């Protein structure tokens, strides 16, 4: 009986745990539909922010033509 318990503890259980986590790792390789949706939302937000920045730069170019050079001089 002791040999069976030792065999289980030394060989079977460690292999079982290793194969369990290998399987979990393989399942998590790709991105989920939820992750893909989140990435799409983030991309949309980034596109909107980029368009807002371009609009702000156009307004600043019209209102204060030399704003870029004054800003770069301070850096």
N, C-alpha and C. Protein backbone atom coordinates (compact mmCIF):
# COMPACT_ATOMS: atom_id res chain seq x y z
N UNK A 1 0.82 -1.20 0.00
CA UNK A 1 0.00 0.00 0.00
C UNK A 1 0.86 1.27 0.00
N UNK A 2 1.95 1.23 0.75
CA UNK A 2 2.83 2.39 0.81
C UNK A 2 3.46 2.69 -0.56
N UNK A 3 3.76 1.64 -1.30
CA UNK A 3 4.36 1.80 -2.62
C UNK A 3 3.39 2.50 -3.56
N UNK A 4 2.13 2.17 -3.48
CA UNK A 4 1.11 2.79 -4.34
C UNK A 4 0.97 4.27 -3.99
N UNK A 5 0.94 4.60 -2.73
CA UNK A 5 0.81 6.00 -2.31
C UNK A 5 2.03 6.79 -2.75
N UNK A 6 3.21 6.24 -2.55
CA UNK A 6 4.44 6.92 -2.97
C UNK A 6 4.46 7.09 -4.48
N UNK A 7 4.06 6.09 -5.22
CA UNK A 7 4.01 6.17 -6.69
C UNK A 7 3.03 7.26 -7.13
N UNK A 8 1.90 7.34 -6.49
CA UNK A 8 0.93 8.38 -6.82
C UNK A 8 1.50 9.77 -6.53
N UNK A 9 2.11 9.93 -5.37
CA UNK A 9 2.63 11.23 -4.98
C UNK A 9 3.83 11.67 -5.80
N UNK A 10 4.65 10.75 -6.20
CA UNK A 10 5.90 11.08 -6.88
C UNK A 10 5.74 11.15 -8.39
N UNK A 11 4.88 10.31 -8.96
CA UNK A 11 4.79 10.23 -10.42
C UNK A 11 3.46 10.75 -10.95
N UNK A 12 2.37 10.21 -10.49
CA UNK A 12 1.07 10.48 -11.11
C UNK A 12 0.60 11.91 -10.85
N UNK A 13 0.56 12.35 -9.61
CA UNK A 13 0.06 13.69 -9.31
C UNK A 13 0.89 14.80 -9.95
N UNK A 14 2.21 14.76 -9.92
CA UNK A 14 2.97 15.81 -10.62
C UNK A 14 2.71 15.85 -12.12
N UNK A 15 2.63 14.67 -12.75
CA UNK A 15 2.33 14.64 -14.18
C UNK A 15 0.93 15.17 -14.46
N UNK A 16 -0.01 14.83 -13.61
CA UNK A 16 -1.38 15.29 -13.77
C UNK A 16 -1.42 16.83 -13.70
N UNK A 17 -0.74 17.40 -12.75
CA UNK A 17 -0.71 18.86 -12.61
C UNK A 17 -0.02 19.50 -13.80
N UNK A 18 1.07 18.94 -14.25
CA UNK A 18 1.79 19.49 -15.40
C UNK A 18 0.91 19.47 -16.65
N UNK A 19 0.28 18.33 -16.93
CA UNK A 19 -0.57 18.23 -18.11
C UNK A 19 -1.80 19.12 -18.00
N UNK A 20 -2.31 19.30 -16.80
CA UNK A 20 -3.46 20.19 -16.59
C UNK A 20 -3.09 21.62 -17.00
N UNK A 21 -1.94 22.10 -16.53
CA UNK A 21 -1.55 23.48 -16.84
C UNK A 21 -1.09 23.64 -18.28
N UNK A 22 -0.55 22.60 -18.88
CA UNK A 22 -0.22 22.66 -20.32
C UNK A 22 -1.49 22.83 -21.13
N UNK A 23 -2.52 22.08 -20.77
CA UNK A 23 -3.80 22.19 -21.46
C UNK A 23 -4.39 23.59 -21.30
N UNK A 24 -4.36 24.12 -20.09
CA UNK A 24 -4.87 25.47 -19.84
C UNK A 24 -4.09 26.51 -20.64
N UNK A 25 -2.77 26.35 -20.72
CA UNK A 25 -1.93 27.29 -21.45
C UNK A 25 -2.27 27.26 -22.94
N UNK A 26 -2.50 26.07 -23.48
CA UNK A 26 -2.84 25.97 -24.91
C UNK A 26 -4.20 26.58 -25.20
N UNK A 27 -5.13 26.48 -24.27
CA UNK A 27 -6.45 27.07 -24.46
C UNK A 27 -6.38 28.59 -24.46
N UNK A 28 -5.44 29.15 -23.75
CA UNK A 28 -5.34 30.60 -23.62
C UNK A 28 -4.44 31.24 -24.67
N UNK A 29 -3.95 30.49 -25.64
CA UNK A 29 -3.03 31.03 -26.64
C UNK A 29 -3.66 32.16 -27.45
N UNK A 30 -4.87 31.96 -27.94
CA UNK A 30 -5.50 32.97 -28.77
C UNK A 30 -6.27 33.98 -27.94
N UNK A 31 -6.68 35.07 -28.59
CA UNK A 31 -7.46 36.06 -27.87
C UNK A 31 -8.94 35.67 -27.95
N UNK A 32 -9.67 36.00 -26.92
CA UNK A 32 -11.08 35.67 -26.87
C UNK A 32 -11.88 36.72 -27.64
N UNK A 33 -13.15 36.41 -27.85
CA UNK A 33 -14.03 37.35 -28.53
C UNK A 33 -14.18 38.62 -27.70
N UNK A 34 -14.19 38.47 -26.38
CA UNK A 34 -14.29 39.63 -25.50
C UNK A 34 -13.05 40.51 -25.62
N UNK A 35 -11.87 39.89 -25.69
CA UNK A 35 -10.63 40.65 -25.87
C UNK A 35 -10.63 41.38 -27.20
N UNK A 36 -11.11 40.70 -28.23
CA UNK A 36 -11.16 41.30 -29.56
C UNK A 36 -12.10 42.50 -29.58
N UNK A 37 -13.24 42.37 -28.90
CA UNK A 37 -14.19 43.48 -28.82
C UNK A 37 -13.57 44.65 -28.06
N UNK A 38 -12.86 44.36 -26.99
CA UNK A 38 -12.20 45.43 -26.22
C UNK A 38 -11.15 46.14 -27.07
N UNK A 39 -10.39 45.37 -27.84
CA UNK A 39 -9.39 45.98 -28.72
C UNK A 39 -10.05 46.86 -29.78
N UNK A 40 -11.18 46.41 -30.29
CA UNK A 40 -11.92 47.22 -31.27
C UNK A 40 -12.41 48.52 -30.66
N UNK A 41 -12.92 48.44 -29.42
CA UNK A 41 -13.37 49.65 -28.74
C UNK A 41 -12.22 50.62 -28.49
N UNK A 42 -11.08 50.07 -28.07
CA UNK A 42 -9.91 50.92 -27.84
C UNK A 42 -9.43 51.57 -29.14
N UNK A 43 -9.47 50.81 -30.22
CA UNK A 43 -9.06 51.36 -31.52
C UNK A 43 -9.97 52.50 -31.93
N UNK A 44 -11.29 52.32 -31.73
CA UNK A 44 -12.25 53.37 -32.07
C UNK A 44 -12.00 54.62 -31.24
N UNK A 45 -11.75 54.43 -29.95
CA UNK A 45 -11.47 55.57 -29.07
C UNK A 45 -10.20 56.29 -29.51
N UNK A 46 -9.18 55.53 -29.87
CA UNK A 46 -7.92 56.13 -30.33
C UNK A 46 -8.14 56.91 -31.62
N UNK A 47 -8.94 56.37 -32.53
CA UNK A 47 -9.22 57.08 -33.78
C UNK A 47 -9.96 58.39 -33.52
N UNK A 48 -10.93 58.35 -32.60
CA UNK A 48 -11.67 59.58 -32.26
C UNK A 48 -10.75 60.62 -31.63
N UNK A 49 -9.88 60.17 -30.74
CA UNK A 49 -8.95 61.11 -30.10
C UNK A 49 -7.97 61.70 -31.11
N UNK A 50 -7.53 60.88 -32.05
CA UNK A 50 -6.62 61.38 -33.08
C UNK A 50 -7.31 62.44 -33.94
N UNK A 51 -8.56 62.21 -34.29
CA UNK A 51 -9.30 63.18 -35.09
C UNK A 51 -9.52 64.48 -34.30
N UNK A 52 -9.79 64.36 -33.01
CA UNK A 52 -9.94 65.56 -32.17
C UNK A 52 -8.64 66.34 -32.11
N UNK A 53 -7.53 65.64 -32.01
CA UNK A 53 -6.23 66.32 -31.96
C UNK A 53 -5.96 67.05 -33.27
N UNK A 54 -6.26 66.40 -34.38
CA UNK A 54 -6.06 67.07 -35.69
C UNK A 54 -6.93 68.32 -35.80
N UNK A 55 -8.18 68.21 -35.33
CA UNK A 55 -9.08 69.36 -35.37
C UNK A 55 -8.54 70.49 -34.50
N UNK A 56 -8.06 70.15 -33.31
CA UNK A 56 -7.50 71.16 -32.41
C UNK A 56 -6.27 71.81 -33.04
N UNK A 57 -5.43 71.04 -33.68
CA UNK A 57 -4.25 71.62 -34.33
C UNK A 57 -4.64 72.54 -35.48
N UNK A 58 -5.67 72.18 -36.24
CA UNK A 58 -6.14 73.06 -37.32
C UNK A 58 -6.66 74.38 -36.75
N UNK A 59 -7.41 74.29 -35.66
CA UNK A 59 -7.95 75.50 -35.03
C UNK A 59 -6.80 76.37 -34.52
N UNK A 60 -5.84 75.73 -33.86
CA UNK A 60 -4.69 76.49 -33.35
C UNK A 60 -3.89 77.11 -34.50
N UNK A 61 -3.73 76.40 -35.60
CA UNK A 61 -3.02 76.96 -36.75
C UNK A 61 -3.73 78.20 -37.28
N UNK A 62 -5.06 78.18 -37.28
CA UNK A 62 -5.81 79.34 -37.77
C UNK A 62 -5.78 80.50 -36.77
N UNK A 63 -5.92 80.21 -35.50
CA UNK A 63 -6.01 81.25 -34.48
C UNK A 63 -4.64 81.80 -34.06
N UNK A 64 -3.66 80.92 -33.88
CA UNK A 64 -2.33 81.33 -33.42
C UNK A 64 -1.30 80.65 -34.34
N UNK A 65 -0.96 81.29 -35.45
CA UNK A 65 -0.13 80.65 -36.47
C UNK A 65 1.24 80.16 -35.97
N UNK A 66 1.83 80.85 -35.02
CA UNK A 66 3.19 80.45 -34.60
C UNK A 66 3.18 79.65 -33.29
N UNK A 67 2.08 79.03 -32.94
CA UNK A 67 1.99 78.30 -31.68
C UNK A 67 2.95 77.11 -31.63
N UNK A 68 3.19 76.49 -32.77
CA UNK A 68 4.09 75.33 -32.77
C UNK A 68 5.53 75.73 -32.45
N UNK A 69 5.99 76.80 -33.05
CA UNK A 69 7.38 77.21 -32.81
C UNK A 69 7.55 77.72 -31.37
N UNK A 70 6.55 78.40 -30.82
CA UNK A 70 6.64 78.87 -29.43
C UNK A 70 6.65 77.68 -28.48
N UNK A 71 5.88 76.67 -28.79
CA UNK A 71 5.83 75.49 -27.92
C UNK A 71 7.16 74.74 -27.96
N UNK A 72 7.74 74.58 -29.11
CA UNK A 72 8.99 73.85 -29.25
C UNK A 72 10.17 74.61 -28.63
N UNK A 73 10.09 75.93 -28.60
CA UNK A 73 11.15 76.73 -27.99
C UNK A 73 11.22 76.49 -26.47
N UNK A 74 10.08 76.22 -25.86
CA UNK A 74 10.05 75.99 -24.42
C UNK A 74 10.57 74.60 -24.04
N UNK A 75 10.54 73.68 -24.96
CA UNK A 75 11.03 72.33 -24.68
C UNK A 75 12.50 72.31 -24.76
